[in-house]
Amino acid sequence: MDDNAAESAIARRWTNRALLKLIWPLVIEQILAVTMGLADTIMVSTVGEHAVSGVSLVDAINQLLIIAFSSLATGGAVVVSQYMGRRKNKSARLASRQLIYVSTAVSAVIAVFALCLRRASLSLIYGAAASDVMRAAETYFLLSALSYPFLALYNSAASLYRATGNSRVPMLVALLVNVINIGGNAVFIFGFHWGVAGAGLSTLICRITAAAVLVVMLVQSRNSAISLSGIFNIQIRAGMIHSILKVGIPSCLENSMFQIGKIMVSRIFTSFGTAAIAANAIAAVINSFTFMPAQAFALAMLTVVGQCVGAGDYSAAKRNTGKLMKASYGSVLLLSALTALLMNPVLKTFGLTDEAARIAGILLWIHVIAAPVSWPASFILPNSLRAAGDARYCMIAAAISMWAVRVLFSYILAYSFRIGPPGVWIAMALDWYLRAACYILRFRSGKWKEKRVI
């Protein structure tokens, strides 16, 4: 197929109807993912604020430790998408296997280190937390670490399905996982009264199930462009691994620095007491609903732009980026408005103390004012750049914004200006505005078109 034919084919493929077919299962999957976190938080909250606080502290570290293989999944999705854009299905299958090999190895190493260093890590980062919060955190961290390899396999396998434009299978698996999680929480927390340990065990079972289902399906799909058939006949392709890492490593460093910064500023909440920790955790869960559809558009961006760039059709890449960005802004605006309207009754469902509820309300108001203006350009647009291979720029821009704005101003506003916990969220909003400016300028410059991944 010549270049012009390839370009017209890829342009025809991603019609509005095709985009909708790709996106709606991703939206459902994001809703299910947040629902799973919300179910955990609500069910654990019945144990007490110390349990909610302990889980939230570990989740901050969890996000840092799982970033490595989440970033590898992103790198794999970009490489496979670009091969598919070029109609090189054999290469796409080989790249799929390389992703599984690398993500399995990396996640196993991370799990071992997390298991060995969990107590030291918690003490170092959250030494000021109350003793009951620390006990809950240690228990949850142990079970979380055991699940890392399975979460890595799930992320990688799901990203491969999405790279082909098949978002329905990961959605159905996410639905299954939610049913298992809610049932597991009910049995372990309410039935056996295992508290935080019950929530952690339920999450571990869910991640094992999700990984097993997707990997087995890929092994059995022999004719697919992402088939893992013969994966145990190991064939290492250094060039493909390099391509995956070319996107994955900058994404990993970017997200790692982002999460380290979040952990640093989360220490501010521990210094203001359990009510502040709980308020931050609950506000974060609620505002995550605002981003659900937009997160789906971000995942779609990797697939659509990756295939367009692989086919050499930069006009289609730019056009589809515009469509997905408009949809992202619309969804964040709508859901931010709903958050503002339903804030008080939703907060009451968590059984917070009056002080924790008051703080959570302030944090959410900061969010609903800032998010519709800046969040989509901060976190959705860079996926278009990554899909084209411009991951290094995204890493540099994010690192500067995170450390020069969010981390620095969190401490200045919280302590020097004595704003307290809301100062952290104000600094977060300022970080979003700077990121948005950096990514918009980069996309408009067209320099991302000069990058190469495969």
Protein backbone atom coordinates (compact mmCIF):
# COMPACT_ATOMS: atom_id res chain seq x y z
CA MET A 1 0.00 0.00 0.00
CA ASP A 2 1.44 3.40 -0.97
CA ASP A 3 1.57 6.35 1.40
CA ASN A 4 -1.46 8.13 -0.05
CA ALA A 5 -3.59 5.00 0.20
CA ALA A 6 -2.47 4.44 3.78
CA GLU A 7 -3.29 8.02 4.69
CA SER A 8 -6.75 7.91 3.16
CA ALA A 9 -7.43 4.55 4.84
CA ILE A 10 -6.53 5.80 8.29
CA ALA A 11 -8.54 8.98 7.77
CA ARG A 12 -11.56 6.92 6.77
CA ARG A 13 -11.18 4.61 9.73
CA TRP A 14 -11.45 7.22 12.47
CA THR A 15 -14.81 8.71 11.64
CA ASN A 16 -16.96 10.21 14.38
CA ARG A 17 -18.85 6.92 14.61
CA ALA A 18 -15.60 4.94 14.98
CA LEU A 19 -14.38 7.32 17.67
CA LEU A 20 -17.64 6.90 19.57
CA LYS A 21 -17.36 3.12 19.30
CA LEU A 22 -13.86 3.31 20.78
CA ILE A 23 -14.67 5.85 23.49
CA TRP A 24 -17.91 4.72 25.09
CA PRO A 25 -16.47 1.46 26.52
CA LEU A 26 -13.49 3.47 27.77
CA VAL A 27 -15.85 5.84 29.58
CA ILE A 28 -17.65 2.90 31.18
CA GLU A 29 -14.30 1.39 32.15
CA GLN A 30 -13.22 4.64 33.80
CA ILE A 31 -16.52 4.83 35.70
CA LEU A 32 -15.99 1.27 36.89
CA ALA A 33 -12.41 2.04 37.94
CA VAL A 34 -13.51 5.02 40.03
CA THR A 35 -16.49 3.06 41.37
CA MET A 36 -14.08 0.41 42.59
CA GLY A 37 -12.04 3.01 44.47
CA LEU A 38 -15.20 4.65 45.80
CA ALA A 39 -16.58 1.31 47.00
CA ASP A 40 -13.33 0.60 48.82
CA THR A 41 -13.35 4.04 50.45
CA ILE A 42 -17.00 3.89 51.53
CA MET A 43 -16.73 0.36 52.89
CA VAL A 44 -13.43 1.01 54.65
CA SER A 45 -14.83 4.24 56.13
CA THR A 46 -17.16 2.11 58.27
CA VAL A 47 -14.06 0.93 60.14
CA GLY A 48 -13.12 4.52 61.05
CA GLU A 49 -11.25 7.59 59.84
CA HIS A 50 -7.93 5.93 60.69
CA ALA A 51 -8.68 3.21 58.13
CA VAL A 52 -9.58 5.70 55.39
CA SER A 53 -6.48 7.71 56.18
CA GLY A 54 -4.21 4.63 56.19
CA VAL A 55 -5.51 3.44 52.82
CA SER A 56 -5.16 6.93 51.30
CA LEU A 57 -1.54 7.21 52.44
CA VAL A 58 -0.66 3.86 50.87
CA ASP A 59 -2.51 4.71 47.67
CA ALA A 60 -0.22 7.70 47.23
CA ILE A 61 2.82 5.38 47.41
CA ASN A 62 1.07 2.74 45.31
CA GLN A 63 0.65 5.22 42.50
CA LEU A 64 4.37 5.92 42.55
CA LEU A 65 5.34 2.24 42.54
CA ILE A 66 2.96 1.16 39.78
CA ILE A 67 3.89 4.07 37.53
CA ALA A 68 6.76 2.11 36.00
CA PHE A 69 4.60 -0.56 34.43
CA SER A 70 1.74 1.80 33.68
CA SER A 71 4.23 3.85 31.67
CA LEU A 72 5.47 0.72 29.93
CA ALA A 73 1.88 -0.02 28.95
CA THR A 74 1.69 3.46 27.43
CA GLY A 75 4.91 2.87 25.51
CA GLY A 76 3.64 -0.49 24.29
CA ALA A 77 0.33 1.00 23.19
CA VAL A 78 2.08 3.70 21.15
CA VAL A 79 4.45 1.23 19.44
CA VAL A 80 1.70 -1.30 18.63
CA SER A 81 -0.64 1.48 17.42
CA GLN A 82 2.00 2.84 15.07
CA TYR A 83 2.76 -0.63 13.67
CA MET A 84 -0.94 -1.14 13.07
CA GLY A 85 -1.13 2.24 11.34
CA ARG A 86 1.54 0.92 8.96
CA ARG A 87 -0.38 -2.38 8.57
CA LYS A 88 2.57 -4.36 10.00
CA ASN A 89 0.63 -6.89 12.07
CA LYS A 90 3.52 -9.32 12.49
CA SER A 91 5.63 -6.57 14.03
CA ALA A 92 2.69 -5.57 16.23
CA ARG A 93 2.49 -9.13 17.59
CA LEU A 94 6.21 -9.20 18.34
CA ALA A 95 6.01 -5.82 20.06
CA SER A 96 3.07 -7.06 22.15
CA ARG A 97 5.18 -9.90 23.52
CA GLN A 98 8.07 -7.59 24.32
CA LEU A 99 5.71 -5.43 26.37
CA ILE A 100 4.54 -8.44 28.41
CA TYR A 101 8.12 -9.59 29.05
CA VAL A 102 9.33 -6.19 30.19
CA SER A 103 6.30 -5.29 32.31
CA THR A 104 6.37 -8.67 34.09
CA ALA A 105 10.05 -8.33 34.97
CA VAL A 106 9.81 -4.71 36.12
CA SER A 107 6.69 -5.24 38.24
CA ALA A 108 8.17 -8.32 39.95
CA VAL A 109 11.25 -6.34 40.99
CA ILE A 110 9.09 -3.46 42.26
CA ALA A 111 6.92 -5.88 44.26
CA VAL A 112 9.94 -7.44 45.99
CA PHE A 113 11.36 -4.05 46.97
CA ALA A 114 7.96 -2.84 48.19
CA LEU A 115 7.48 -5.93 50.35
CA CYS A 116 10.92 -5.59 51.89
CA LEU A 117 10.84 -1.84 52.48
CA ARG A 118 7.18 -1.12 53.20
CA ARG A 119 7.58 -0.30 56.91
CA ALA A 120 10.68 1.81 56.39
CA SER A 121 9.00 3.68 53.53
CA LEU A 122 5.89 4.49 55.53
CA SER A 123 7.90 5.63 58.53
CA LEU A 124 10.15 7.82 56.41
CA ILE A 125 7.34 9.51 54.50
CA TYR A 126 4.49 9.57 57.03
CA GLY A 127 6.28 9.47 60.38
CA ALA A 128 3.96 12.15 61.76
CA ALA A 129 0.82 10.06 61.20
CA ALA A 130 -1.04 8.60 64.19
CA SER A 131 -0.16 5.04 65.25
CA ASP A 132 -3.54 3.55 64.27
CA VAL A 133 -3.24 5.16 60.83
CA MET A 134 0.25 3.67 60.40
CA ARG A 135 -0.94 0.17 61.38
CA ALA A 136 -3.73 0.34 58.81
CA ALA A 137 -1.28 1.60 56.19
CA GLU A 138 1.21 -1.24 56.81
CA THR A 139 -1.48 -3.88 56.38
CA TYR A 140 -2.84 -2.37 53.17
CA PHE A 141 0.65 -1.85 51.73
CA LEU A 142 1.52 -5.55 52.17
CA LEU A 143 -1.47 -6.77 50.17
CA SER A 144 -1.06 -4.01 47.58
CA ALA A 145 2.55 -5.01 46.89
CA LEU A 146 1.56 -8.62 46.26
CA SER A 147 -0.81 -7.45 43.54
CA TYR A 148 1.71 -5.38 41.53
CA PRO A 149 2.72 -8.07 38.98
CA PHE A 150 -0.92 -8.86 38.25
CA LEU A 151 -1.81 -5.20 37.88
CA ALA A 152 1.12 -4.79 35.48
CA LEU A 153 -0.08 -7.69 33.34
CA TYR A 154 -3.61 -6.33 33.31
CA ASN A 155 -2.47 -2.83 32.33
CA SER A 156 -0.28 -4.18 29.53
CA ALA A 157 -2.91 -6.56 28.17
CA ALA A 158 -5.64 -3.90 28.32
CA SER A 159 -3.41 -1.39 26.52
CA LEU A 160 -2.85 -3.92 23.72
CA TYR A 161 -6.58 -4.34 23.21
CA ARG A 162 -7.05 -0.58 23.13
CA ALA A 163 -4.19 -0.18 20.64
CA THR A 164 -6.25 -2.15 18.12
CA GLY A 165 -9.33 -0.02 18.81
CA ASN A 166 -10.99 -2.79 20.85
CA SER A 167 -11.97 -1.12 24.12
CA ARG A 168 -14.96 -3.39 24.74
CA VAL A 169 -13.00 -6.34 26.16
CA PRO A 170 -11.17 -4.32 28.88
CA MET A 171 -14.52 -2.75 29.78
CA LEU A 172 -16.17 -6.14 30.31
CA VAL A 173 -13.25 -7.33 32.42
CA ALA A 174 -13.49 -4.12 34.48
CA LEU A 175 -17.19 -4.88 35.06
CA LEU A 176 -16.33 -8.38 36.27
CA VAL A 177 -13.65 -6.99 38.58
CA ASN A 178 -16.07 -4.49 40.13
CA VAL A 179 -18.58 -7.21 40.93
CA ILE A 180 -15.85 -9.33 42.55
CA ASN A 181 -14.47 -6.33 44.46
CA ILE A 182 -17.78 -5.25 45.96
CA GLY A 183 -18.63 -8.82 46.86
CA GLY A 184 -15.18 -9.38 48.34
CA ASN A 185 -15.36 -6.20 50.39
CA ALA A 186 -18.77 -7.18 51.71
CA VAL A 187 -17.52 -10.61 52.79
CA PHE A 188 -14.12 -9.62 54.17
CA ILE A 189 -14.99 -6.25 55.77
CA PHE A 190 -18.56 -6.80 56.97
CA GLY A 191 -18.67 -10.59 57.19
CA PHE A 192 -15.23 -11.46 58.59
CA HIS A 193 -14.59 -7.99 60.08
CA TRP A 194 -11.08 -7.86 58.63
CA GLY A 195 -11.18 -4.10 58.06
CA VAL A 196 -8.34 -2.72 55.96
CA ALA A 197 -6.96 -6.24 55.43
CA GLY A 198 -10.29 -7.24 53.90
CA ALA A 199 -10.21 -4.36 51.43
CA GLY A 200 -6.62 -5.17 50.46
CA LEU A 201 -7.36 -8.88 49.98
CA SER A 202 -10.37 -8.13 47.82
CA THR A 203 -8.24 -5.84 45.62
CA LEU A 204 -5.57 -8.55 45.30
CA ILE A 205 -8.12 -11.13 44.15
CA CYS A 206 -9.56 -8.68 41.62
CA ARG A 207 -6.17 -7.92 40.06
CA ILE A 208 -5.26 -11.61 39.78
CA THR A 209 -8.57 -12.30 38.06
CA ALA A 210 -8.30 -9.38 35.63
CA ALA A 211 -4.75 -10.28 34.58
CA ALA A 212 -5.56 -13.96 34.13
CA VAL A 213 -8.63 -13.33 31.99
CA LEU A 214 -6.99 -10.86 29.58
CA VAL A 215 -3.70 -12.74 29.18
CA VAL A 216 -5.45 -16.06 28.52
CA MET A 217 -7.68 -14.38 25.91
CA LEU A 218 -4.65 -12.88 24.14
CA VAL A 219 -2.82 -16.21 24.13
CA GLN A 220 -5.83 -17.88 22.54
CA SER A 221 -6.41 -15.18 19.88
CA ARG A 222 -3.96 -16.63 17.35
CA ASN A 223 -5.01 -14.50 14.37
CA SER A 224 -5.07 -11.18 16.19
CA ALA A 225 -2.53 -8.42 15.57
CA ILE A 226 -1.81 -8.48 19.32
CA SER A 227 -1.86 -12.26 19.84
CA LEU A 228 0.37 -13.61 22.61
CA SER A 229 0.27 -17.13 21.20
CA GLY A 230 3.68 -18.75 21.71
CA ILE A 231 4.68 -16.22 24.34
CA PHE A 232 6.54 -18.88 26.33
CA ASN A 233 8.80 -19.41 23.31
CA ILE A 234 10.65 -16.29 24.36
CA GLN A 235 11.99 -14.10 21.56
CA ILE A 236 13.65 -10.89 22.70
CA ARG A 237 13.69 -8.02 20.21
CA ALA A 238 16.00 -5.32 21.56
CA GLY A 239 14.94 -2.76 18.95
CA MET A 240 11.26 -3.08 19.86
CA ILE A 241 12.00 -2.93 23.57
CA HIS A 242 14.01 0.23 22.89
CA SER A 243 11.02 1.75 21.07
CA ILE A 244 8.73 0.89 23.97
CA LEU A 245 11.18 2.35 26.46
CA LYS A 246 11.66 5.46 24.31
CA VAL A 247 8.09 6.40 25.19
CA GLY A 248 7.81 4.48 28.46
CA ILE A 249 10.88 5.81 30.30
CA PRO A 250 10.11 9.53 29.87
CA SER A 251 6.50 8.81 30.84
CA CYS A 252 7.72 6.84 33.85
CA LEU A 253 10.07 9.61 34.97
CA GLU A 254 7.39 12.24 34.42
CA ASN A 255 4.77 10.36 36.41
CA SER A 256 7.27 9.31 39.08
CA MET A 257 8.33 12.90 39.70
CA PHE A 258 4.68 13.89 39.70
CA GLN A 259 3.81 11.24 42.28
CA ILE A 260 6.85 11.98 44.45
CA GLY A 261 5.75 15.60 44.46
CA LYS A 262 2.23 14.55 45.47
CA ILE A 263 3.61 12.44 48.29
CA MET A 264 5.73 15.35 49.49
CA VAL A 265 2.77 17.70 49.58
CA SER A 266 0.56 14.99 51.14
CA ARG A 267 2.80 15.21 54.18
CA ILE A 268 1.29 18.64 54.69
CA PHE A 269 -2.07 16.99 55.42
CA THR A 270 -0.53 14.71 58.09
CA SER A 271 0.72 17.80 59.92
CA PHE A 272 -2.84 19.17 60.09
CA GLY A 273 -4.30 15.99 61.62
CA THR A 274 -6.51 13.02 60.72
CA ALA A 275 -9.44 15.22 59.68
CA ALA A 276 -7.29 16.90 57.00
CA ILE A 277 -5.99 13.54 55.74
CA ALA A 278 -9.50 12.12 55.50
CA ALA A 279 -10.84 15.29 53.83
CA ASN A 280 -8.12 15.15 51.18
CA ALA A 281 -8.79 11.44 50.52
CA ILE A 282 -12.55 11.89 50.16
CA ALA A 283 -12.26 15.04 48.04
CA ALA A 284 -9.83 13.20 45.73
CA VAL A 285 -12.27 10.32 45.30
CA ILE A 286 -15.17 12.65 44.52
CA ASN A 287 -13.28 14.84 42.06
CA SER A 288 -12.01 11.76 40.23
CA PHE A 289 -15.54 11.34 38.90
CA THR A 290 -15.11 14.67 37.12
CA PHE A 291 -12.29 13.23 35.05
CA MET A 292 -13.79 9.86 34.09
CA PRO A 293 -14.88 10.61 30.51
CA ALA A 294 -11.80 12.76 29.92
CA GLN A 295 -9.52 9.92 31.05
CA ALA A 296 -11.24 7.78 28.43
CA PHE A 297 -10.45 10.39 25.79
CA ALA A 298 -6.81 10.31 26.93
CA LEU A 299 -6.63 6.55 26.34
CA ALA A 300 -8.35 6.95 22.99
CA MET A 301 -5.81 9.62 22.06
CA LEU A 302 -2.95 7.09 22.27
CA THR A 303 -4.69 4.69 19.92
CA VAL A 304 -6.07 7.17 17.39
CA VAL A 305 -3.09 9.52 17.13
CA GLY A 306 -0.66 6.59 17.28
CA GLN A 307 -2.29 4.91 14.28
CA CYS A 308 -2.51 8.20 12.37
CA VAL A 309 1.19 8.96 12.98
CA GLY A 310 2.13 5.38 12.08
CA ALA A 311 0.36 5.84 8.75
CA GLY A 312 2.05 9.21 8.25
CA ASP A 313 -1.27 11.09 8.27
CA TYR A 314 -0.47 14.07 10.51
CA SER A 315 -3.51 15.97 9.27
CA ALA A 316 -5.77 13.23 10.64
CA ALA A 317 -3.75 13.17 13.88
CA LYS A 318 -4.29 16.90 14.39
CA ARG A 319 -7.95 16.76 13.44
CA ASN A 320 -8.74 13.88 15.80
CA THR A 321 -6.78 15.52 18.62
CA GLY A 322 -9.04 18.54 18.24
CA LYS A 323 -12.18 16.40 18.39
CA LEU A 324 -11.06 14.58 21.52
CA MET A 325 -9.97 17.79 23.25
CA LYS A 326 -13.34 19.46 22.64
CA ALA A 327 -15.10 16.44 24.08
CA SER A 328 -12.75 16.46 27.08
CA TYR A 329 -13.44 20.10 27.91
CA GLY A 330 -17.18 19.58 27.60
CA SER A 331 -17.21 16.57 29.90
CA VAL A 332 -15.04 18.18 32.60
CA LEU A 333 -17.19 21.33 32.58
CA LEU A 334 -20.44 19.37 32.89
CA LEU A 335 -19.23 17.08 35.67
CA SER A 336 -17.60 19.93 37.60
CA ALA A 337 -20.98 21.69 37.61
CA LEU A 338 -22.66 18.52 38.89
CA THR A 339 -20.02 18.18 41.60
CA ALA A 340 -20.77 21.72 42.78
CA LEU A 341 -24.53 21.04 42.86
CA LEU A 342 -24.33 17.68 44.66
CA MET A 343 -21.32 18.36 46.89
CA ASN A 344 -23.03 18.53 50.29
CA PRO A 345 -25.26 15.42 50.03
CA VAL A 346 -22.36 13.39 48.60
CA LEU A 347 -20.02 14.38 51.42
CA LYS A 348 -22.60 13.27 53.97
CA THR A 349 -22.45 9.68 52.66
CA PHE A 350 -18.87 9.27 53.91
CA GLY A 351 -19.62 9.75 57.60
CA LEU A 352 -16.92 12.38 58.07
CA THR A 353 -16.57 14.52 61.15
CA ASP A 354 -17.81 18.10 60.80
CA GLU A 355 -14.24 19.40 60.52
CA ALA A 356 -13.26 16.88 57.85
CA ALA A 357 -16.44 17.62 55.86
CA ARG A 358 -15.77 21.36 56.05
CA ILE A 359 -12.22 20.98 54.72
CA ALA A 360 -13.33 18.58 51.98
CA GLY A 361 -15.93 21.09 50.80
CA ILE A 362 -13.33 23.85 50.46
CA LEU A 363 -11.02 21.55 48.50
CA LEU A 364 -13.79 20.55 46.11
CA TRP A 365 -14.72 24.17 45.41
CA ILE A 366 -11.12 24.87 44.39
CA HIS A 367 -11.32 21.89 42.06
CA VAL A 368 -14.61 22.74 40.36
CA ILE A 369 -13.41 26.28 39.62
CA ALA A 370 -10.00 25.33 38.19
CA ALA A 371 -10.55 21.99 36.45
CA PRO A 372 -12.83 23.03 33.54
CA VAL A 373 -10.33 25.66 32.41
CA SER A 374 -7.01 23.85 32.61
CA TRP A 375 -7.22 20.13 33.37
CA PRO A 376 -7.91 18.70 29.87
CA ALA A 377 -4.97 20.55 28.30
CA SER A 378 -2.79 19.47 31.24
CA PHE A 379 -3.50 15.74 31.14
CA ILE A 380 -5.29 14.83 27.88
CA LEU A 381 -3.39 16.85 25.26
CA PRO A 382 0.05 15.44 26.23
CA ASN A 383 -1.14 11.96 25.22
CA SER A 384 -1.35 13.23 21.64
CA LEU A 385 2.28 14.33 21.90
CA ARG A 386 3.31 10.98 23.44
CA ALA A 387 1.53 9.04 20.72
CA ALA A 388 3.72 10.86 18.20
CA GLY A 389 6.87 10.10 20.20
CA ASP A 390 7.27 13.50 21.87
CA ALA A 391 7.36 12.00 25.38
CA ARG A 392 10.60 13.73 26.41
CA TYR A 393 9.10 17.20 26.08
CA CYS A 394 6.09 16.14 28.16
CA MET A 395 8.44 14.86 30.85
CA ILE A 396 10.45 18.09 31.03
CA ALA A 397 7.41 20.38 31.06
CA ALA A 398 5.66 18.31 33.73
CA ALA A 399 8.75 18.14 35.96
CA ILE A 400 9.30 21.89 35.88
CA SER A 401 5.65 22.63 36.58
CA MET A 402 5.39 20.06 39.37
CA TRP A 403 8.42 21.15 41.34
CA ALA A 404 8.51 24.87 40.60
CA VAL A 405 4.78 25.38 41.16
CA ARG A 406 2.88 22.59 42.90
CA VAL A 407 5.46 21.48 45.46
CA LEU A 408 6.98 24.89 46.18
CA PHE A 409 3.72 26.80 46.39
CA SER A 410 2.00 24.07 48.42
CA TYR A 411 4.40 24.71 51.27
CA ILE A 412 4.38 28.48 50.80
CA LEU A 413 0.59 28.74 50.76
CA ALA A 414 -0.06 26.16 53.47
CA TYR A 415 2.53 27.41 55.97
CA SER A 416 3.92 30.84 55.05
CA PHE A 417 0.51 32.24 54.10
CA ARG A 418 -1.20 30.03 56.72
CA ILE A 419 -3.92 28.87 54.33
CA GLY A 420 -3.52 25.27 55.52
CA PRO A 421 -4.79 22.26 53.50
CA PRO A 422 -6.59 24.40 50.86
CA GLY A 423 -3.21 25.91 49.96
CA VAL A 424 -2.14 22.54 48.56
CA TRP A 425 -5.10 22.44 46.20
CA ILE A 426 -4.59 26.05 45.11
CA ALA A 427 -1.00 25.16 44.20
CA MET A 428 -2.34 22.15 42.30
CA ALA A 429 -4.56 24.43 40.23
CA LEU A 430 -1.63 26.73 39.42
CA ASP A 431 0.33 23.66 38.28
CA TRP A 432 -2.51 22.74 35.89
CA TYR A 433 -2.48 26.19 34.31
CA LEU A 434 1.26 26.12 33.63
CA ARG A 435 1.16 22.59 32.17
CA ALA A 436 -1.74 23.54 29.92
CA ALA A 437 0.19 26.50 28.53
CA CYS A 438 3.29 24.36 27.84
CA TYR A 439 1.40 21.60 26.01
CA ILE A 440 -0.79 23.92 23.96
CA LEU A 441 2.27 25.85 22.73
CA ARG A 442 4.09 22.62 21.86
CA PHE A 443 1.17 21.17 19.93
CA ARG A 444 0.64 24.38 17.96
CA SER A 445 4.36 24.56 17.09
CA GLY A 446 4.14 21.26 15.18
CA LYS A 447 7.51 20.03 16.49
CA TRP A 448 5.89 16.76 17.59
CA LYS A 449 5.60 15.84 13.90
CA GLU A 450 9.40 15.53 13.71
CA LYS A 451 9.60 12.71 16.29
CA ARG A 452 10.02 9.01 15.43
CA VAL A 453 9.24 5.92 17.49
CA ILE A 454 9.51 3.02 15.03
